[in-house]
Amino acid sequence: MSDLQIIRIDDAKALVRVGVPDPERATPQEVRISVTLALADPPNFTKHDRIGATTDYDRILHFIRDDLGEPAHLIETLSDRVAGHCLSLSDRALWVEVTVKKPSVLSGDGLVAVTIRRERSQ
């Protein structure tokens, strides 16, 4: 088994229009998005201490905060969009797991969350 590099982003906030009924999508809602991205064959970072040796997680954060796209009915759709973006960032990307949490769904304590795992097509 080869070495892996894991990049994690936990609970990045985004304002999106998401929900099944039209009135729910009318106003942006906060979601929290977590990403776990696996990269194959990490270099020796003590010798390659440059952003080009890894995947710039700022590009993932920017996508989450600013580029999730048009309104969606499902948080699963948002998860798929983020997963596709993450896999496109590096030829070394093997798989990604994206969790989208939507706190506003439940009244009181708790939240709804969906996790999708996507692997690079061979």
N, C-alpha and C. Protein backbone atom coordinates (compact mmCIF):
# COMPACT_ATOMS: atom_id res chain seq x y z
N MET A 1 0.84 -1.19 0.00
CA MET A 1 0.00 0.00 0.00
C MET A 1 0.89 1.24 0.00
N SER A 2 0.55 2.20 -0.82
CA SER A 2 1.34 3.43 -0.91
C SER A 2 0.96 4.39 0.21
N ASP A 3 1.83 5.35 0.43
CA ASP A 3 1.57 6.38 1.43
C ASP A 3 0.43 7.27 0.96
N LEU A 4 -0.29 7.80 1.93
CA LEU A 4 -1.38 8.74 1.63
C LEU A 4 -1.15 10.05 2.35
N GLN A 5 -1.63 11.09 1.75
CA GLN A 5 -1.72 12.39 2.40
C GLN A 5 -3.20 12.67 2.54
N ILE A 6 -3.64 13.01 3.73
CA ILE A 6 -5.05 13.30 3.96
C ILE A 6 -5.18 14.79 4.29
N ILE A 7 -6.02 15.46 3.55
CA ILE A 7 -6.34 16.87 3.82
C ILE A 7 -7.75 16.90 4.38
N ARG A 8 -7.91 17.57 5.51
CA ARG A 8 -9.23 17.67 6.14
C ARG A 8 -9.62 19.13 6.33
N ILE A 9 -10.85 19.39 6.06
CA ILE A 9 -11.47 20.68 6.38
C ILE A 9 -12.72 20.34 7.16
N ASP A 10 -12.89 20.94 8.33
CA ASP A 10 -14.03 20.62 9.17
C ASP A 10 -14.95 21.81 9.34
N ASP A 11 -16.21 21.60 9.00
CA ASP A 11 -17.30 22.54 9.28
C ASP A 11 -17.10 23.94 8.70
N ALA A 12 -16.64 24.02 7.46
CA ALA A 12 -16.58 25.32 6.77
C ALA A 12 -18.01 25.81 6.55
N LYS A 13 -18.26 27.05 6.84
CA LYS A 13 -19.60 27.61 6.72
C LYS A 13 -19.84 28.15 5.31
N ALA A 14 -21.06 27.92 4.83
CA ALA A 14 -21.48 28.47 3.54
C ALA A 14 -22.94 28.87 3.64
N LEU A 15 -23.31 29.92 2.93
CA LEU A 15 -24.71 30.32 2.82
C LEU A 15 -25.19 29.89 1.45
N VAL A 16 -26.21 29.04 1.43
CA VAL A 16 -26.72 28.48 0.17
C VAL A 16 -28.24 28.45 0.18
N ARG A 17 -28.77 28.40 -1.02
CA ARG A 17 -30.21 28.21 -1.18
C ARG A 17 -30.44 26.73 -1.42
N VAL A 18 -30.98 26.05 -0.39
CA VAL A 18 -31.16 24.60 -0.48
C VAL A 18 -32.44 24.21 0.26
N GLY A 19 -33.16 23.28 -0.31
CA GLY A 19 -34.37 22.76 0.31
C GLY A 19 -35.34 22.27 -0.73
N VAL A 20 -36.20 21.37 -0.34
CA VAL A 20 -37.16 20.80 -1.28
C VAL A 20 -38.28 21.79 -1.61
N PRO A 21 -38.96 22.38 -0.62
CA PRO A 21 -40.02 23.34 -0.99
C PRO A 21 -39.43 24.68 -1.45
N ASP A 22 -40.09 25.30 -2.40
CA ASP A 22 -39.62 26.59 -2.92
C ASP A 22 -39.38 27.64 -1.84
N PRO A 23 -40.30 27.79 -0.86
CA PRO A 23 -40.06 28.81 0.18
C PRO A 23 -38.78 28.58 0.98
N GLU A 24 -38.39 27.31 1.14
CA GLU A 24 -37.17 27.02 1.88
C GLU A 24 -35.93 27.46 1.10
N ARG A 25 -35.99 27.36 -0.22
CA ARG A 25 -34.86 27.79 -1.06
C ARG A 25 -34.85 29.29 -1.30
N ALA A 26 -35.89 29.99 -0.92
CA ALA A 26 -36.00 31.43 -1.20
C ALA A 26 -34.95 32.26 -0.45
N THR A 27 -34.52 31.77 0.70
CA THR A 27 -33.57 32.50 1.53
C THR A 27 -32.33 31.65 1.76
N PRO A 28 -31.15 32.23 1.62
CA PRO A 28 -29.93 31.45 1.90
C PRO A 28 -29.91 30.94 3.34
N GLN A 29 -29.44 29.72 3.49
CA GLN A 29 -29.32 29.09 4.79
C GLN A 29 -27.87 28.69 5.03
N GLU A 30 -27.48 28.65 6.27
CA GLU A 30 -26.12 28.21 6.60
C GLU A 30 -26.05 26.69 6.56
N VAL A 31 -25.03 26.20 5.90
CA VAL A 31 -24.68 24.79 5.98
C VAL A 31 -23.21 24.74 6.41
N ARG A 32 -22.84 23.59 6.93
CA ARG A 32 -21.45 23.38 7.32
C ARG A 32 -20.93 22.19 6.52
N ILE A 33 -19.78 22.37 5.93
CA ILE A 33 -19.25 21.36 5.01
C ILE A 33 -17.88 20.92 5.48
N SER A 34 -17.73 19.59 5.57
CA SER A 34 -16.45 18.98 5.94
C SER A 34 -15.96 18.14 4.78
N VAL A 35 -14.65 18.16 4.57
CA VAL A 35 -14.03 17.45 3.46
C VAL A 35 -12.85 16.63 3.99
N THR A 36 -12.76 15.40 3.54
CA THR A 36 -11.56 14.58 3.75
C THR A 36 -11.11 14.13 2.37
N LEU A 37 -9.93 14.59 1.97
CA LEU A 37 -9.40 14.32 0.64
C LEU A 37 -8.13 13.50 0.76
N ALA A 38 -8.10 12.35 0.08
CA ALA A 38 -6.91 11.48 0.11
C ALA A 38 -6.11 11.67 -1.16
N LEU A 39 -4.82 11.93 -0.98
CA LEU A 39 -3.89 12.11 -2.09
C LEU A 39 -2.84 11.00 -2.04
N ALA A 40 -2.55 10.42 -3.18
CA ALA A 40 -1.55 9.36 -3.28
C ALA A 40 -0.15 9.93 -3.30
N ASP A 41 0.78 9.12 -2.89
CA ASP A 41 2.22 9.38 -3.04
C ASP A 41 2.67 10.78 -2.60
N PRO A 42 2.46 11.12 -1.34
CA PRO A 42 2.92 12.43 -0.90
C PRO A 42 4.44 12.53 -0.96
N PRO A 43 4.95 13.70 -1.32
CA PRO A 43 6.40 13.88 -1.35
C PRO A 43 6.95 14.00 0.07
N ASN A 44 8.23 14.02 0.19
CA ASN A 44 8.88 14.32 1.45
C ASN A 44 8.76 15.83 1.64
N PHE A 45 7.89 16.24 2.54
CA PHE A 45 7.61 17.67 2.68
C PHE A 45 8.76 18.45 3.31
N THR A 46 9.67 17.76 3.97
CA THR A 46 10.83 18.49 4.48
C THR A 46 11.73 18.96 3.35
N LYS A 47 11.65 18.29 2.19
CA LYS A 47 12.42 18.70 1.01
C LYS A 47 11.59 19.51 0.02
N HIS A 48 10.29 19.39 0.12
CA HIS A 48 9.37 20.06 -0.82
C HIS A 48 8.38 20.90 -0.04
N ASP A 49 8.86 21.91 0.63
CA ASP A 49 8.04 22.75 1.50
C ASP A 49 7.42 23.91 0.71
N ARG A 50 6.62 23.54 -0.29
CA ARG A 50 5.96 24.53 -1.15
C ARG A 50 4.53 24.09 -1.42
N ILE A 51 3.67 25.04 -1.65
CA ILE A 51 2.25 24.75 -1.89
C ILE A 51 2.07 23.85 -3.11
N GLY A 52 2.98 23.93 -4.07
CA GLY A 52 2.88 23.10 -5.26
C GLY A 52 3.06 21.61 -4.99
N ALA A 53 3.55 21.27 -3.79
CA ALA A 53 3.75 19.87 -3.43
C ALA A 53 2.48 19.23 -2.88
N THR A 54 1.45 20.03 -2.71
CA THR A 54 0.20 19.53 -2.13
C THR A 54 -0.98 20.12 -2.89
N THR A 55 -2.16 19.92 -2.38
CA THR A 55 -3.36 20.56 -2.93
C THR A 55 -3.69 21.75 -2.04
N ASP A 56 -3.84 22.89 -2.62
CA ASP A 56 -4.11 24.12 -1.87
C ASP A 56 -5.52 24.06 -1.30
N TYR A 57 -5.63 23.87 0.01
CA TYR A 57 -6.95 23.76 0.63
C TYR A 57 -7.74 25.05 0.53
N ASP A 58 -7.07 26.16 0.27
CA ASP A 58 -7.78 27.43 0.10
C ASP A 58 -8.70 27.37 -1.13
N ARG A 59 -8.31 26.58 -2.15
CA ARG A 59 -9.16 26.42 -3.34
C ARG A 59 -10.43 25.64 -2.99
N ILE A 60 -10.34 24.74 -2.04
CA ILE A 60 -11.52 24.02 -1.58
C ILE A 60 -12.42 24.96 -0.78
N LEU A 61 -11.82 25.71 0.13
CA LEU A 61 -12.61 26.66 0.94
C LEU A 61 -13.29 27.70 0.08
N HIS A 62 -12.58 28.23 -0.90
CA HIS A 62 -13.17 29.23 -1.80
C HIS A 62 -14.39 28.63 -2.52
N PHE A 63 -14.26 27.41 -3.01
CA PHE A 63 -15.37 26.77 -3.70
C PHE A 63 -16.57 26.62 -2.77
N ILE A 64 -16.32 26.17 -1.55
CA ILE A 64 -17.41 25.99 -0.58
C ILE A 64 -18.09 27.32 -0.28
N ARG A 65 -17.33 28.35 -0.07
CA ARG A 65 -17.90 29.64 0.35
C ARG A 65 -18.49 30.45 -0.79
N ASP A 66 -17.94 30.30 -1.99
CA ASP A 66 -18.32 31.22 -3.06
C ASP A 66 -18.85 30.58 -4.34
N ASP A 67 -18.62 29.30 -4.57
CA ASP A 67 -18.90 28.74 -5.89
C ASP A 67 -19.76 27.47 -5.88
N LEU A 68 -20.60 27.29 -4.89
CA LEU A 68 -21.42 26.08 -4.85
C LEU A 68 -22.48 26.03 -5.93
N GLY A 69 -22.69 27.16 -6.58
CA GLY A 69 -23.58 27.14 -7.74
C GLY A 69 -25.02 27.47 -7.42
N GLU A 70 -25.87 27.11 -8.37
CA GLU A 70 -27.29 27.45 -8.29
C GLU A 70 -27.95 26.72 -7.13
N PRO A 71 -29.15 27.19 -6.75
CA PRO A 71 -29.88 26.53 -5.66
C PRO A 71 -30.06 25.04 -5.92
N ALA A 72 -30.16 24.30 -4.84
CA ALA A 72 -30.33 22.85 -4.92
C ALA A 72 -31.48 22.41 -4.03
N HIS A 73 -32.10 21.32 -4.41
CA HIS A 73 -33.14 20.74 -3.56
C HIS A 73 -32.53 19.97 -2.39
N LEU A 74 -31.40 19.31 -2.63
CA LEU A 74 -30.85 18.37 -1.67
C LEU A 74 -29.44 18.75 -1.22
N ILE A 75 -29.15 18.49 0.05
CA ILE A 75 -27.78 18.69 0.51
C ILE A 75 -26.85 17.64 -0.12
N GLU A 76 -27.42 16.53 -0.58
CA GLU A 76 -26.63 15.55 -1.32
C GLU A 76 -26.04 16.16 -2.59
N THR A 77 -26.82 17.03 -3.23
CA THR A 77 -26.35 17.71 -4.45
C THR A 77 -25.15 18.61 -4.13
N LEU A 78 -25.23 19.33 -3.02
CA LEU A 78 -24.12 20.18 -2.61
C LEU A 78 -22.88 19.34 -2.34
N SER A 79 -23.09 18.21 -1.67
CA SER A 79 -21.98 17.31 -1.37
C SER A 79 -21.30 16.81 -2.65
N ASP A 80 -22.11 16.43 -3.63
CA ASP A 80 -21.56 15.97 -4.92
C ASP A 80 -20.78 17.06 -5.63
N ARG A 81 -21.27 18.29 -5.58
CA ARG A 81 -20.56 19.40 -6.22
C ARG A 81 -19.19 19.60 -5.61
N VAL A 82 -19.13 19.58 -4.28
CA VAL A 82 -17.85 19.76 -3.60
C VAL A 82 -16.92 18.59 -3.90
N ALA A 83 -17.46 17.37 -3.90
CA ALA A 83 -16.63 16.19 -4.18
C ALA A 83 -16.02 16.27 -5.58
N GLY A 84 -16.82 16.63 -6.55
CA GLY A 84 -16.30 16.75 -7.92
C GLY A 84 -15.21 17.79 -8.03
N HIS A 85 -15.41 18.91 -7.35
CA HIS A 85 -14.39 19.96 -7.37
C HIS A 85 -13.09 19.45 -6.75
N CYS A 86 -13.19 18.80 -5.61
CA CYS A 86 -11.99 18.32 -4.91
C CYS A 86 -11.21 17.32 -5.76
N LEU A 87 -11.91 16.39 -6.39
CA LEU A 87 -11.23 15.40 -7.22
C LEU A 87 -10.57 16.03 -8.44
N SER A 88 -11.09 17.17 -8.88
CA SER A 88 -10.52 17.83 -10.05
C SER A 88 -9.25 18.62 -9.74
N LEU A 89 -8.93 18.80 -8.49
CA LEU A 89 -7.81 19.65 -8.10
C LEU A 89 -6.43 19.01 -8.27
N SER A 90 -6.39 17.68 -8.28
CA SER A 90 -5.09 17.03 -8.34
C SER A 90 -5.20 15.65 -8.98
N ASP A 91 -4.22 15.33 -9.81
CA ASP A 91 -4.14 13.98 -10.37
C ASP A 91 -3.83 12.95 -9.28
N ARG A 92 -3.31 13.42 -8.15
CA ARG A 92 -3.00 12.53 -7.03
C ARG A 92 -4.23 12.20 -6.18
N ALA A 93 -5.36 12.90 -6.40
CA ALA A 93 -6.56 12.67 -5.60
C ALA A 93 -7.10 11.26 -5.86
N LEU A 94 -7.24 10.49 -4.80
CA LEU A 94 -7.76 9.13 -4.90
C LEU A 94 -9.24 9.06 -4.57
N TRP A 95 -9.62 9.69 -3.47
CA TRP A 95 -11.00 9.71 -3.04
C TRP A 95 -11.24 10.93 -2.17
N VAL A 96 -12.53 11.23 -2.02
CA VAL A 96 -12.93 12.34 -1.17
C VAL A 96 -14.23 11.97 -0.46
N GLU A 97 -14.33 12.38 0.77
CA GLU A 97 -15.59 12.29 1.51
C GLU A 97 -16.02 13.70 1.85
N VAL A 98 -17.27 14.00 1.56
CA VAL A 98 -17.81 15.33 1.84
C VAL A 98 -19.06 15.16 2.68
N THR A 99 -19.10 15.86 3.80
CA THR A 99 -20.27 15.87 4.68
C THR A 99 -20.86 17.27 4.66
N VAL A 100 -22.15 17.34 4.41
CA VAL A 100 -22.87 18.61 4.48
C VAL A 100 -23.86 18.51 5.63
N LYS A 101 -23.76 19.47 6.55
CA LYS A 101 -24.65 19.53 7.70
C LYS A 101 -25.58 20.72 7.52
N LYS A 102 -26.84 20.47 7.80
CA LYS A 102 -27.84 21.54 7.68
C LYS A 102 -28.54 21.71 9.03
N PRO A 103 -28.05 22.65 9.84
CA PRO A 103 -28.58 22.81 11.19
C PRO A 103 -30.04 23.27 11.25
N SER A 104 -30.52 23.95 10.24
CA SER A 104 -31.86 24.56 10.32
C SER A 104 -33.01 23.58 10.11
N VAL A 105 -32.74 22.33 9.78
CA VAL A 105 -33.81 21.40 9.47
C VAL A 105 -34.59 20.99 10.71
N LEU A 106 -33.90 20.71 11.79
CA LEU A 106 -34.56 20.22 13.01
C LEU A 106 -34.79 21.37 13.97
N SER A 107 -35.95 21.38 14.60
CA SER A 107 -36.18 22.37 15.65
C SER A 107 -35.54 21.85 16.93
N GLY A 108 -34.96 22.73 17.69
CA GLY A 108 -34.27 22.29 18.90
C GLY A 108 -32.87 21.81 18.59
N ASP A 109 -32.42 20.86 19.39
CA ASP A 109 -31.07 20.33 19.23
C ASP A 109 -30.97 19.41 18.03
N GLY A 110 -29.76 19.29 17.52
CA GLY A 110 -29.49 18.36 16.44
C GLY A 110 -29.43 19.04 15.08
N LEU A 111 -29.03 18.24 14.11
CA LEU A 111 -28.95 18.71 12.74
C LEU A 111 -29.00 17.51 11.82
N VAL A 112 -29.22 17.77 10.55
CA VAL A 112 -29.23 16.74 9.54
C VAL A 112 -27.90 16.81 8.80
N ALA A 113 -27.32 15.65 8.49
CA ALA A 113 -26.05 15.61 7.76
C ALA A 113 -26.07 14.46 6.77
N VAL A 114 -25.38 14.69 5.65
CA VAL A 114 -25.22 13.66 4.62
C VAL A 114 -23.75 13.60 4.26
N THR A 115 -23.23 12.38 4.13
CA THR A 115 -21.85 12.19 3.70
C THR A 115 -21.83 11.37 2.42
N ILE A 116 -21.07 11.87 1.45
CA ILE A 116 -20.89 11.16 0.18
C ILE A 116 -19.39 10.92 -0.02
N ARG A 117 -19.05 9.72 -0.45
CA ARG A 117 -17.67 9.40 -0.78
C ARG A 117 -17.60 9.13 -2.28
N ARG A 118 -16.67 9.79 -2.94
CA ARG A 118 -16.44 9.60 -4.36
C ARG A 118 -14.97 9.23 -4.58
N GLU A 119 -14.76 8.31 -5.52
CA GLU A 119 -13.42 7.89 -5.87
C GLU A 119 -13.12 8.32 -7.29
N ARG A 120 -11.85 8.57 -7.53
CA ARG A 120 -11.44 8.95 -8.88
C ARG A 120 -11.69 7.77 -9.81
N SER A 121 -12.27 8.06 -10.95
CA SER A 121 -12.48 7.02 -11.97
C SER A 121 -11.15 6.61 -12.55
N GLN A 122 -10.97 5.33 -12.75
CA GLN A 122 -9.70 4.84 -13.30
C GLN A 122 -9.76 4.78 -14.80
